[in-house]
Amino acid sequence: MTHDSEVEVPATTTPFQQLLQSGSVRPAAAAAVDFANINRVKLTTDTATILAEERDNS
């Protein structure tokens, strides 16, 4: 109740709906993603070499 005897009711939206409205969450995609259609990338350098370089740079 407010001082003017009016009923103050909180919004009836769920926390998820509030996040959607604020832009913090994006709605799900319309269709499922087929990961088989994503092109695979082959590295020219192996993982051990990349890790060794990173350890040397830190």
PDB file of N, CA and C in Angstrom:
ATOM      1  N   MET A   1       0.830  -1.185   0.000  1.00  0.00           N
ATOM      2  CA  MET A   1       0.000   0.000   0.000  1.00  0.00           C
ATOM      3  C   MET A   1       0.876   1.250   0.000  1.00  0.00           C
ATOM      4  N   THR A   2       0.437   2.230  -0.739  1.00  0.00           N
ATOM      5  CA  THR A   2       1.132   3.513  -0.746  1.00  0.00           C
ATOM      6  C   THR A   2       0.443   4.453   0.233  1.00  0.00           C
ATOM      7  N   HIS A   3       0.988   5.638   0.380  1.00  0.00           N
ATOM      8  CA  HIS A   3       0.383   6.624   1.285  1.00  0.00           C
ATOM      9  C   HIS A   3      -0.973   7.101   0.768  1.00  0.00           C
ATOM     10  N   ASP A   4      -1.230   6.921  -0.536  1.00  0.00           N
ATOM     11  CA  ASP A   4      -2.511   7.336  -1.117  1.00  0.00           C
ATOM     12  C   ASP A   4      -3.524   6.205  -1.106  1.00  0.00           C
ATOM     13  N   SER A   5      -3.251   5.153  -0.348  1.00  0.00           N
ATOM     14  CA  SER A   5      -4.125   3.974  -0.245  1.00  0.00           C
ATOM     15  C   SER A   5      -4.249   3.224  -1.558  1.00  0.00           C
ATOM     16  N   GLU A   6      -3.254   3.345  -2.411  1.00  0.00           N
ATOM     17  CA  GLU A   6      -3.243   2.574  -3.646  1.00  0.00           C
ATOM     18  C   GLU A   6      -2.401   1.324  -3.433  1.00  0.00           C
ATOM     19  N   VAL A   7      -2.828   0.256  -4.063  1.00  0.00           N
ATOM     20  CA  VAL A   7      -2.100  -0.998  -3.928  1.00  0.00           C
ATOM     21  C   VAL A   7      -0.919  -0.988  -4.885  1.00  0.00           C
ATOM     22  N   GLU A   8       0.224  -1.240  -4.352  1.00  0.00           N
ATOM     23  CA  GLU A   8       1.446  -1.284  -5.149  1.00  0.00           C
ATOM     24  C   GLU A   8       1.791  -2.760  -5.362  1.00  0.00           C
ATOM     25  N   VAL A   9       1.638  -3.227  -6.602  1.00  0.00           N
ATOM     26  CA  VAL A   9       1.861  -4.638  -6.914  1.00  0.00           C
ATOM     27  C   VAL A   9       3.123  -4.760  -7.759  1.00  0.00           C
ATOM     28  N   PRO A  10       4.010  -5.674  -7.391  1.00  0.00           N
ATOM     29  CA  PRO A  10       5.209  -5.855  -8.214  1.00  0.00           C
ATOM     30  C   PRO A  10       4.854  -6.419  -9.586  1.00  0.00           C
ATOM     31  N   ALA A  11       5.751  -6.256 -10.511  1.00  0.00           N
ATOM     32  CA  ALA A  11       5.529  -6.760 -11.868  1.00  0.00           C
ATOM     33  C   ALA A  11       5.322  -8.270 -11.829  1.00  0.00           C
ATOM     34  N   THR A  12       4.504  -8.757 -12.734  1.00  0.00           N
ATOM     35  CA  THR A  12       4.201 -10.191 -12.757  1.00  0.00           C
ATOM     36  C   THR A  12       5.110 -10.953 -13.718  1.00  0.00           C
ATOM     37  N   THR A  13       6.191 -10.339 -14.116  1.00  0.00           N
ATOM     38  CA  THR A  13       7.113 -11.040 -15.006  1.00  0.00           C
ATOM     39  C   THR A  13       8.076 -11.885 -14.182  1.00  0.00           C
ATOM     40  N   THR A  14       8.516 -12.965 -14.777  1.00  0.00           N
ATOM     41  CA  THR A  14       9.482 -13.840 -14.112  1.00  0.00           C
ATOM     42  C   THR A  14      10.874 -13.230 -14.231  1.00  0.00           C
ATOM     43  N   PRO A  15      11.808 -13.683 -13.416  1.00  0.00           N
ATOM     44  CA  PRO A  15      13.180 -13.181 -13.557  1.00  0.00           C
ATOM     45  C   PRO A  15      13.743 -13.404 -14.960  1.00  0.00           C
ATOM     46  N   PHE A  16      13.408 -14.533 -15.583  1.00  0.00           N
ATOM     47  CA  PHE A  16      13.878 -14.794 -16.946  1.00  0.00           C
ATOM     48  C   PHE A  16      13.292 -13.787 -17.927  1.00  0.00           C
ATOM     49  N   GLN A  17      12.006 -13.479 -17.799  1.00  0.00           N
ATOM     50  CA  GLN A  17      11.376 -12.492 -18.676  1.00  0.00           C
ATOM     51  C   GLN A  17      11.995 -11.112 -18.479  1.00  0.00           C
ATOM     52  N   GLN A  18      12.355 -10.783 -17.252  1.00  0.00           N
ATOM     53  CA  GLN A  18      13.006  -9.501 -16.985  1.00  0.00           C
ATOM     54  C   GLN A  18      14.370  -9.441 -17.667  1.00  0.00           C
ATOM     55  N   LEU A  19      15.112 -10.559 -17.636  1.00  0.00           N
ATOM     56  CA  LEU A  19      16.406 -10.605 -18.316  1.00  0.00           C
ATOM     57  C   LEU A  19      16.237 -10.470 -19.824  1.00  0.00           C
ATOM     58  N   LEU A  20      15.213 -11.121 -20.383  1.00  0.00           N
ATOM     59  CA  LEU A  20      14.948 -10.998 -21.822  1.00  0.00           C
ATOM     60  C   LEU A  20      14.647  -9.551 -22.191  1.00  0.00           C
ATOM     61  N   GLN A  21      13.821  -8.897 -21.396  1.00  0.00           N
ATOM     62  CA  GLN A  21      13.436  -7.517 -21.682  1.00  0.00           C
ATOM     63  C   GLN A  21      14.619  -6.560 -21.560  1.00  0.00           C
ATOM     64  N   SER A  22      15.548  -6.856 -20.661  1.00  0.00           N
ATOM     65  CA  SER A  22      16.700  -5.974 -20.481  1.00  0.00           C
ATOM     66  C   SER A  22      17.794  -6.240 -21.506  1.00  0.00           C
ATOM     67  N   GLY A  23      17.646  -7.327 -22.266  1.00  0.00           N
ATOM     68  CA  GLY A  23      18.645  -7.651 -23.272  1.00  0.00           C
ATOM     69  C   GLY A  23      19.809  -8.461 -22.729  1.00  0.00           C
ATOM     70  N   SER A  24      19.699  -8.932 -21.498  1.00  0.00           N
ATOM     71  CA  SER A  24      20.782  -9.718 -20.901  1.00  0.00           C
ATOM     72  C   SER A  24      20.796 -11.156 -21.396  1.00  0.00           C
ATOM     73  N   VAL A  25      19.681 -11.621 -21.910  1.00  0.00           N
ATOM     74  CA  VAL A  25      19.568 -12.985 -22.423  1.00  0.00           C
ATOM     75  C   VAL A  25      18.961 -12.892 -23.809  1.00  0.00           C
ATOM     76  N   ARG A  26      19.481 -13.662 -24.722  1.00  0.00           N
ATOM     77  CA  ARG A  26      18.875 -13.656 -26.049  1.00  0.00           C
ATOM     78  C   ARG A  26      17.968 -14.870 -26.188  1.00  0.00           C
ATOM     79  N   PRO A  27      16.885 -14.735 -26.932  1.00  0.00           N
ATOM     80  CA  PRO A  27      15.976 -15.865 -27.122  1.00  0.00           C
ATOM     81  C   PRO A  27      16.653 -16.975 -27.914  1.00  0.00           C
ATOM     82  N   ALA A  28      16.159 -18.164 -27.756  1.00  0.00           N
ATOM     83  CA  ALA A  28      16.726 -19.316 -28.456  1.00  0.00           C
ATOM     84  C   ALA A  28      16.569 -19.159 -29.962  1.00  0.00           C
ATOM     85  N   ALA A  29      17.472 -19.779 -30.699  1.00  0.00           N
ATOM     86  CA  ALA A  29      17.400 -19.748 -32.158  1.00  0.00           C
ATOM     87  C   ALA A  29      16.152 -20.491 -32.618  1.00  0.00           C
ATOM     88  N   ALA A  30      15.643 -20.106 -33.771  1.00  0.00           N
ATOM     89  CA  ALA A  30      14.422 -20.714 -34.288  1.00  0.00           C
ATOM     90  C   ALA A  30      14.623 -22.185 -34.632  1.00  0.00           C
ATOM     91  N   ALA A  31      15.791 -22.514 -35.154  1.00  0.00           N
ATOM     92  CA  ALA A  31      16.047 -23.895 -35.557  1.00  0.00           C
ATOM     93  C   ALA A  31      17.302 -24.406 -34.854  1.00  0.00           C
ATOM     94  N   ALA A  32      17.371 -25.709 -34.716  1.00  0.00           N
ATOM     95  CA  ALA A  32      18.545 -26.319 -34.101  1.00  0.00           C
ATOM     96  C   ALA A  32      19.743 -26.204 -35.039  1.00  0.00           C
ATOM     97  N   VAL A  33      20.914 -26.122 -34.465  1.00  0.00           N
ATOM     98  CA  VAL A  33      22.139 -26.016 -35.250  1.00  0.00           C
ATOM     99  C   VAL A  33      22.669 -27.415 -35.515  1.00  0.00           C
ATOM    100  N   ASP A  34      23.011 -27.675 -36.767  1.00  0.00           N
ATOM    101  CA  ASP A  34      23.601 -28.964 -37.132  1.00  0.00           C
ATOM    102  C   ASP A  34      25.114 -28.788 -37.155  1.00  0.00           C
ATOM    103  N   PHE A  35      25.782 -29.279 -36.127  1.00  0.00           N
ATOM    104  CA  PHE A  35      27.219 -29.092 -36.011  1.00  0.00           C
ATOM    105  C   PHE A  35      27.998 -29.853 -37.076  1.00  0.00           C
ATOM    106  N   ALA A  36      27.382 -30.800 -37.736  1.00  0.00           N
ATOM    107  CA  ALA A  36      28.056 -31.530 -38.813  1.00  0.00           C
ATOM    108  C   ALA A  36      28.324 -30.619 -40.006  1.00  0.00           C
ATOM    109  N   ASN A  37      27.597 -29.514 -40.120  1.00  0.00           N
ATOM    110  CA  ASN A  37      27.774 -28.596 -41.248  1.00  0.00           C
ATOM    111  C   ASN A  37      28.871 -27.559 -41.018  1.00  0.00           C
ATOM    112  N   ILE A  38      29.454 -27.541 -39.827  1.00  0.00           N
ATOM    113  CA  ILE A  38      30.506 -26.572 -39.537  1.00  0.00           C
ATOM    114  C   ILE A  38      31.826 -27.109 -40.070  1.00  0.00           C
ATOM    115  N   ASN A  39      32.522 -26.270 -40.842  1.00  0.00           N
ATOM    116  CA  ASN A  39      33.799 -26.689 -41.415  1.00  0.00           C
ATOM    117  C   ASN A  39      34.855 -26.804 -40.331  1.00  0.00           C
ATOM    118  N   ARG A  40      35.563 -27.903 -40.341  1.00  0.00           N
ATOM    119  CA  ARG A  40      36.628 -28.131 -39.372  1.00  0.00           C
ATOM    120  C   ARG A  40      37.902 -27.448 -39.846  1.00  0.00           C
ATOM    121  N   VAL A  41      38.654 -26.911 -38.900  1.00  0.00           N
ATOM    122  CA  VAL A  41      39.904 -26.228 -39.211  1.00  0.00           C
ATOM    123  C   VAL A  41      41.051 -27.088 -38.706  1.00  0.00           C
ATOM    124  N   LYS A  42      42.051 -27.271 -39.539  1.00  0.00           N
ATOM    125  CA  LYS A  42      43.235 -28.046 -39.165  1.00  0.00           C
ATOM    126  C   LYS A  42      44.371 -27.073 -38.897  1.00  0.00           C
ATOM    127  N   LEU A  43      44.940 -27.140 -37.692  1.00  0.00           N
ATOM    128  CA  LEU A  43      46.047 -26.266 -37.337  1.00  0.00           C
ATOM    129  C   LEU A  43      47.329 -26.729 -38.014  1.00  0.00           C
ATOM    130  N   THR A  44      48.171 -25.768 -38.357  1.00  0.00           N
ATOM    131  CA  THR A  44      49.466 -26.112 -38.946  1.00  0.00           C
ATOM    132  C   THR A  44      50.497 -26.378 -37.855  1.00  0.00           C
ATOM    133  N   THR A  45      50.188 -25.998 -36.620  1.00  0.00           N
ATOM    134  CA  THR A  45      51.080 -26.193 -35.482  1.00  0.00           C
ATOM    135  C   THR A  45      50.410 -27.129 -34.485  1.00  0.00           C
ATOM    136  N   ASP A  46      51.196 -28.001 -33.870  1.00  0.00           N
ATOM    137  CA  ASP A  46      50.597 -28.906 -32.893  1.00  0.00           C
ATOM    138  C   ASP A  46      50.440 -28.206 -31.536  1.00  0.00           C
ATOM    139  N   THR A  47      49.625 -28.786 -30.683  1.00  0.00           N
ATOM    140  CA  THR A  47      49.293 -28.183 -29.397  1.00  0.00           C
ATOM    141  C   THR A  47      50.520 -28.010 -28.509  1.00  0.00           C
ATOM    142  N   ALA A  48      51.418 -28.977 -28.513  1.00  0.00           N
ATOM    143  CA  ALA A  48      52.613 -28.898 -27.665  1.00  0.00           C
ATOM    144  C   ALA A  48      53.448 -27.668 -28.007  1.00  0.00           C
ATOM    145  N   THR A  49      53.568 -27.349 -29.289  1.00  0.00           N
ATOM    146  CA  THR A  49      54.338 -26.180 -29.714  1.00  0.00           C
ATOM    147  C   THR A  49      53.666 -24.889 -29.246  1.00  0.00           C
ATOM    148  N   ILE A  50      52.370 -24.823 -29.377  1.00  0.00           N
ATOM    149  CA  ILE A  50      51.624 -23.632 -28.947  1.00  0.00           C
ATOM    150  C   ILE A  50      51.786 -23.431 -27.441  1.00  0.00           C
ATOM    151  N   LEU A  51      51.647 -24.510 -26.662  1.00  0.00           N
ATOM    152  CA  LEU A  51      51.796 -24.399 -25.211  1.00  0.00           C
ATOM    153  C   LEU A  51      53.210 -23.993 -24.824  1.00  0.00           C
ATOM    154  N   ALA A  52      54.201 -24.531 -25.502  1.00  0.00           N
ATOM    155  CA  ALA A  52      55.592 -24.174 -25.207  1.00  0.00           C
ATOM    156  C   ALA A  52      55.830 -22.692 -25.466  1.00  0.00           C
ATOM    157  N   GLU A  53      55.289 -22.169 -26.559  1.00  0.00           N
ATOM    158  CA  GLU A  53      55.440 -20.747 -26.870  1.00  0.00           C
ATOM    159  C   GLU A  53      54.759 -19.880 -25.816  1.00  0.00           C
ATOM    160  N   GLU A  54      53.580 -20.286 -25.375  1.00  0.00           N
ATOM    161  CA  GLU A  54      52.854 -19.516 -24.366  1.00  0.00           C
ATOM    162  C   GLU A  54      53.596 -19.525 -23.036  1.00  0.00           C
ATOM    163  N   ARG A  55      54.174 -20.646 -22.683  1.00  0.00           N
ATOM    164  CA  ARG A  55      54.922 -20.729 -21.423  1.00  0.00           C
ATOM    165  C   ARG A  55      56.178 -19.870 -21.491  1.00  0.00           C
ATOM    166  N   ASP A  56      56.796 -19.795 -22.658  1.00  0.00           N
ATOM    167  CA  ASP A  56      57.987 -18.961 -22.821  1.00  0.00           C
ATOM    168  C   ASP A  56      57.644 -17.477 -22.736  1.00  0.00           C
ATOM    169  N   ASN A  57      56.435 -17.105 -23.174  1.00  0.00           N
ATOM    170  CA  ASN A  57      56.033 -15.693 -23.204  1.00  0.00           C
ATOM    171  C   ASN A  57      55.509 -15.191 -21.863  1.00  0.00           C
ATOM    172  N   SER A  58      55.278 -16.089 -20.917  1.00  0.00           N
ATOM    173  CA  SER A  58      54.705 -15.628 -19.637  1.00  0.00           C
ATOM    174  C   SER A  58      55.741 -15.453 -18.563  1.00  0.00           C
TER     175      SER A  58
END
